[in-house]
Amino acid sequence: MKSILFTFLTFLIASSVSFAQKSFHKNKVIAHRGAWKAQSHPQNSIASLKEAVKLGCEGSEFDVWMSADGILVVNHDADFQGMEIETSTYKELLSKKHENGEKLPTVEEYLKAGKKQKGTKLIFEIKPSKISVERSKEVAEKSVLAVKKMKAEKWVDYITFSYEGGLKVIELAPEANVAYLTGDKTPAELKEAGFFGFDYNINLLKKNPQWIQEAKDLGLTVNAWTVNSPEDLNWLLDQNPDFITTDEPELLLQLIEERK
């Protein structure tokens, strides 16, 4: 009986590892705010997420703010249809809709939609609060709790411009992948702080190309945003990064295919 139980547990662990490591696409393509541009989907909408999944992107990035009453919502700008998210209640935000009729999704609704597939990672950007650093930390903490509540850990990687928010995620979820966006830390500093990698602006990396190799030597991942032109995409592909964040996922997929 013990032998049977051991075999069953071994199967479950192996299945979990296989899902976490082999299920998701490995093509470097991170759709910025979902795949929205080509099909005119609203940015950060469920529709743009589904389009990124349909394309087979490795990841689909989305941005998270917290409403005045503590609800985490998905939207890029600090306002939604002219309403400031951080100073509006979620009920007030529901008075507006995306151009396609979708309401502003909560993080839990977005994660629920993202978990319906196993090919595209959910790149969870924690937006820094305009109110205070402490609020940024609170958003980071609530984000980790939401991901755990939804059992979405295998799907989610975190990115953030808030250094303090990133450190809070690392503290609360040390097994999570957390990348830093701002660009004011060297690869060595990020490694020391426990980050998974950097996700820096393409122009910053062009000025500091040595950071790419430094990050690789330290075991950090390399990503860049937001890379849209064929020239920049090809330059970055030549550097062999781990990921590329783009508003043009279709173009990037095509360029990668042409290089095979």
Protein backbone atom coordinates (compact mmCIF):
# COMPACT_ATOMS: atom_id res chain seq x y z
CA MET A 1 0.00 0.00 0.00
CA LYS A 2 2.85 2.37 0.87
CA SER A 3 4.47 1.56 -2.45
CA ILE A 4 1.28 2.45 -4.32
CA LEU A 5 0.93 5.72 -2.39
CA PHE A 6 4.55 6.64 -3.06
CA THR A 7 4.12 5.96 -6.76
CA PHE A 8 0.97 8.10 -6.87
CA LEU A 9 2.68 11.00 -5.07
CA THR A 10 5.66 10.75 -7.39
CA PHE A 11 3.30 10.95 -10.38
CA LEU A 12 1.60 14.05 -8.98
CA ILE A 13 4.91 15.81 -8.37
CA ALA A 14 6.21 14.88 -11.80
CA SER A 15 2.99 16.08 -13.41
CA SER A 16 3.23 19.39 -11.55
CA VAL A 17 6.82 19.93 -12.61
CA SER A 18 5.99 19.00 -16.19
CA PHE A 19 3.11 21.47 -16.27
CA ALA A 20 5.19 24.26 -14.76
CA GLN A 21 8.22 23.77 -16.99
CA LYS A 22 7.04 22.25 -20.27
CA SER A 23 3.45 23.32 -20.83
CA PHE A 24 3.99 26.99 -21.64
CA HIS A 25 5.22 28.22 -25.00
CA LYS A 26 8.92 29.07 -25.30
CA ASN A 27 9.14 31.69 -28.04
CA LYS A 28 10.19 34.89 -26.18
CA VAL A 29 7.02 36.76 -27.25
CA ILE A 30 5.28 38.76 -24.51
CA ALA A 31 2.15 40.53 -25.79
CA HIS A 32 2.11 44.00 -24.22
CA ARG A 33 -1.32 44.59 -22.62
CA GLY A 34 -2.44 41.48 -24.46
CA ALA A 35 -2.54 41.13 -28.24
CA TRP A 36 -4.72 44.16 -28.87
CA LYS A 37 -3.38 46.12 -31.81
CA ALA A 38 -3.92 44.01 -34.94
CA GLN A 39 -7.52 43.09 -34.12
CA SER A 40 -8.42 46.39 -32.40
CA HIS A 41 -9.18 44.81 -29.02
CA PRO A 42 -9.17 47.10 -25.97
CA GLN A 43 -5.83 47.03 -24.20
CA ASN A 44 -5.74 44.86 -21.06
CA SER A 45 -9.13 43.39 -21.89
CA ILE A 46 -10.08 39.74 -21.66
CA ALA A 47 -10.40 39.86 -25.46
CA SER A 48 -6.77 40.94 -25.86
CA LEU A 49 -5.68 38.17 -23.48
CA LYS A 50 -7.58 35.57 -25.51
CA GLU A 51 -5.97 36.89 -28.69
CA ALA A 52 -2.49 36.48 -27.18
CA VAL A 53 -3.40 32.92 -26.23
CA LYS A 54 -4.74 32.28 -29.74
CA LEU A 55 -1.46 33.51 -31.26
CA GLY A 56 0.53 31.22 -28.98
CA CYS A 57 2.52 33.97 -27.25
CA GLU A 58 4.78 32.87 -24.43
CA GLY A 59 3.25 35.53 -22.21
CA SER A 60 0.51 38.14 -22.06
CA GLU A 61 1.26 41.21 -19.94
CA PHE A 62 -1.41 43.03 -17.94
CA ASP A 63 -1.39 45.98 -15.53
CA VAL A 64 -2.90 46.08 -12.06
CA TRP A 65 -4.12 48.97 -9.92
CA MET A 66 -6.11 49.07 -6.68
CA SER A 67 -9.38 50.97 -6.43
CA ALA A 68 -10.23 53.26 -3.52
CA ASP A 69 -12.09 50.40 -1.83
CA GLY A 70 -9.25 47.90 -2.19
CA ILE A 71 -10.29 46.00 -5.34
CA LEU A 72 -7.50 45.00 -7.72
CA VAL A 73 -8.41 45.82 -11.32
CA VAL A 74 -6.71 45.38 -14.69
CA ASN A 75 -5.98 48.58 -16.65
CA HIS A 76 -2.85 50.24 -18.01
CA ASP A 77 -3.46 53.90 -17.26
CA ALA A 78 -4.05 55.40 -13.84
CA ASP A 79 -7.56 56.26 -15.02
CA PHE A 80 -10.26 54.20 -16.70
CA GLN A 81 -12.31 56.15 -19.20
CA GLY A 82 -11.41 59.36 -17.34
CA MET A 83 -12.03 58.01 -13.82
CA GLU A 84 -8.98 57.87 -11.53
CA ILE A 85 -8.77 54.27 -10.36
CA GLU A 86 -7.03 54.85 -7.04
CA THR A 87 -9.60 57.41 -5.91
CA SER A 88 -12.71 55.68 -7.33
CA THR A 89 -14.61 52.73 -5.89
CA TYR A 90 -15.00 49.64 -8.02
CA LYS A 91 -18.74 50.27 -8.21
CA GLU A 92 -18.03 53.71 -9.65
CA LEU A 93 -15.57 52.23 -12.16
CA LEU A 94 -18.26 49.83 -13.35
CA SER A 95 -20.21 52.79 -14.70
CA LYS A 96 -17.74 52.81 -17.64
CA LYS A 97 -17.00 50.06 -20.15
CA HIS A 98 -14.36 49.16 -22.72
CA GLU A 99 -15.10 49.96 -26.36
CA ASN A 100 -16.10 46.31 -26.97
CA GLY A 101 -18.60 46.33 -24.11
CA GLU A 102 -16.38 44.57 -21.57
CA LYS A 103 -16.39 45.93 -18.04
CA LEU A 104 -13.17 46.69 -16.22
CA PRO A 105 -11.97 43.23 -15.11
CA THR A 106 -10.89 42.47 -11.60
CA VAL A 107 -7.63 40.59 -11.14
CA GLU A 108 -9.55 37.49 -10.09
CA GLU A 109 -11.68 37.61 -13.25
CA TYR A 110 -8.59 38.07 -15.39
CA LEU A 111 -6.72 35.21 -13.72
CA LYS A 112 -9.77 32.97 -14.05
CA ALA A 113 -9.82 33.62 -17.81
CA GLY A 114 -6.07 33.10 -18.07
CA LYS A 115 -6.18 29.77 -16.26
CA LYS A 116 -8.44 28.28 -18.91
CA GLN A 117 -5.34 27.57 -21.00
CA LYS A 118 -1.85 26.26 -20.32
CA GLY A 119 0.27 27.74 -23.10
CA THR A 120 0.58 31.46 -22.32
CA LYS A 121 2.01 32.84 -19.09
CA LEU A 122 0.25 35.72 -17.34
CA ILE A 123 2.73 38.56 -16.86
CA PHE A 124 1.33 40.42 -13.86
CA GLU A 125 2.50 44.05 -13.70
CA ILE A 126 1.99 45.68 -10.33
CA LYS A 127 1.61 49.39 -11.03
CA PRO A 128 3.25 51.72 -8.50
CA SER A 129 0.75 53.75 -6.54
CA LYS A 130 0.66 57.49 -7.15
CA ILE A 131 -0.50 57.94 -3.57
CA SER A 132 2.35 56.41 -1.56
CA VAL A 133 5.08 53.78 -1.45
CA GLU A 134 3.17 52.06 1.34
CA ARG A 135 0.17 51.70 -0.94
CA SER A 136 2.44 50.17 -3.60
CA LYS A 137 3.51 47.58 -1.04
CA GLU A 138 -0.14 46.93 -0.18
CA VAL A 139 -0.99 46.40 -3.85
CA ALA A 140 1.93 43.96 -4.11
CA GLU A 141 0.76 42.05 -1.05
CA LYS A 142 -2.83 41.87 -2.26
CA SER A 143 -1.60 40.76 -5.68
CA VAL A 144 0.28 37.80 -4.21
CA LEU A 145 -2.72 36.87 -2.09
CA ALA A 146 -5.02 37.04 -5.13
CA VAL A 147 -2.75 34.80 -7.18
CA LYS A 148 -2.55 32.28 -4.33
CA LYS A 149 -6.32 32.41 -3.79
CA MET A 150 -6.87 31.65 -7.49
CA LYS A 151 -4.18 28.93 -7.40
CA ALA A 152 -2.60 30.66 -10.38
CA GLU A 153 1.03 30.56 -9.25
CA LYS A 154 2.14 28.37 -12.18
CA TRP A 155 0.70 30.84 -14.68
CA VAL A 156 1.99 34.09 -13.16
CA ASP A 157 5.28 35.96 -13.40
CA TYR A 158 5.47 39.41 -11.78
CA ILE A 159 6.95 42.65 -13.11
CA THR A 160 6.88 46.10 -11.54
CA PHE A 161 8.32 49.62 -11.64
CA SER A 162 8.00 49.71 -7.85
CA TYR A 163 11.25 48.42 -6.35
CA GLU A 164 9.60 48.25 -2.93
CA GLY A 165 6.62 46.43 -4.39
CA GLY A 166 8.93 43.94 -6.06
CA LEU A 167 10.75 43.29 -2.80
CA LYS A 168 7.39 42.71 -1.09
CA VAL A 169 6.47 40.05 -3.67
CA ILE A 170 9.87 38.37 -3.22
CA GLU A 171 9.32 38.38 0.56
CA LEU A 172 5.80 36.92 0.38
CA ALA A 173 6.36 34.53 -2.55
CA PRO A 174 10.07 33.67 -2.71
CA GLU A 175 9.37 30.97 -5.29
CA ALA A 176 7.80 33.51 -7.70
CA ASN A 177 9.55 35.05 -10.71
CA VAL A 178 9.81 38.83 -10.22
CA ALA A 179 11.42 41.18 -12.76
CA TYR A 180 12.17 44.87 -12.33
CA LEU A 181 11.16 47.49 -14.91
CA THR A 182 12.52 50.91 -13.99
CA GLY A 183 16.11 50.51 -15.14
CA ASP A 184 17.90 52.17 -12.23
CA LYS A 185 19.44 48.96 -10.85
CA THR A 186 22.38 47.02 -12.23
CA PRO A 187 22.08 43.26 -12.80
CA ALA A 188 24.30 42.69 -9.75
CA GLU A 189 21.99 44.78 -7.56
CA LEU A 190 18.93 42.88 -8.79
CA LYS A 191 20.62 39.54 -8.15
CA GLU A 192 21.53 40.59 -4.63
CA ALA A 193 17.92 41.64 -3.94
CA GLY A 194 16.50 38.33 -5.16
CA PHE A 195 14.93 39.40 -8.45
CA PHE A 196 14.38 36.87 -11.25
CA GLY A 197 15.59 39.28 -13.91
CA PHE A 198 15.16 42.69 -15.50
CA ASP A 199 12.64 44.00 -18.01
CA TYR A 200 14.16 47.27 -19.16
CA ASN A 201 13.36 49.81 -21.85
CA ILE A 202 14.92 48.93 -25.21
CA ASN A 203 16.67 52.32 -25.45
CA LEU A 204 18.28 51.83 -22.03
CA LEU A 205 19.61 48.43 -23.10
CA LYS A 206 21.01 49.91 -26.30
CA LYS A 207 22.97 52.37 -24.15
CA ASN A 208 24.04 49.62 -21.74
CA PRO A 209 24.27 46.45 -23.86
CA GLN A 210 26.81 44.99 -21.43
CA TRP A 211 23.98 44.55 -18.92
CA ILE A 212 22.53 41.81 -21.11
CA GLN A 213 25.57 39.57 -20.78
CA GLU A 214 26.05 40.55 -17.13
CA ALA A 215 22.49 39.43 -16.39
CA LYS A 216 23.01 36.14 -18.21
CA ASP A 217 26.25 35.51 -16.31
CA LEU A 218 24.38 36.07 -13.04
CA GLY A 219 21.54 33.74 -14.03
CA LEU A 220 19.03 36.57 -14.43
CA THR A 221 16.48 36.72 -17.22
CA VAL A 222 16.56 39.47 -19.84
CA ASN A 223 13.48 41.21 -21.22
CA ALA A 224 12.90 44.58 -22.89
CA TRP A 225 9.90 46.86 -23.42
CA THR A 226 8.21 47.99 -25.54
CA VAL A 227 9.93 46.74 -28.70
CA ASN A 228 7.89 47.35 -31.85
CA SER A 229 10.00 48.26 -34.89
CA PRO A 230 11.56 45.52 -37.04
CA GLU A 231 14.97 47.16 -36.49
CA ASP A 232 14.71 47.06 -32.69
CA LEU A 233 13.19 43.59 -32.69
CA ASN A 234 16.00 42.21 -34.83
CA TRP A 235 18.67 43.97 -32.75
CA LEU A 236 17.26 42.46 -29.59
CA LEU A 237 16.85 39.01 -31.11
CA ASP A 238 20.56 39.16 -31.96
CA GLN A 239 21.24 39.54 -28.22
CA ASN A 240 19.27 36.34 -27.52
CA PRO A 241 17.12 37.64 -24.64
CA ASP A 242 14.77 35.43 -22.69
CA PHE A 243 11.71 37.52 -23.56
CA ILE A 244 10.67 40.52 -25.67
CA THR A 245 7.64 42.63 -24.76
CA THR A 246 5.90 44.06 -27.81
CA ASP A 247 2.72 45.64 -29.15
CA GLU A 248 3.43 43.68 -32.36
CA PRO A 249 3.38 40.01 -31.31
CA GLU A 250 2.39 38.88 -34.81
CA LEU A 251 5.45 40.60 -36.30
CA LEU A 252 7.79 39.21 -33.66
CA LEU A 253 6.48 35.68 -34.13
CA GLN A 254 7.08 36.07 -37.88
CA LEU A 255 10.66 37.34 -37.39
CA ILE A 256 11.44 34.46 -35.03
CA GLU A 257 10.02 31.96 -37.52
CA GLU A 258 12.16 33.44 -40.31
CA ARG A 259 15.29 32.91 -38.20
CA LYS A 260 14.71 29.16 -37.82
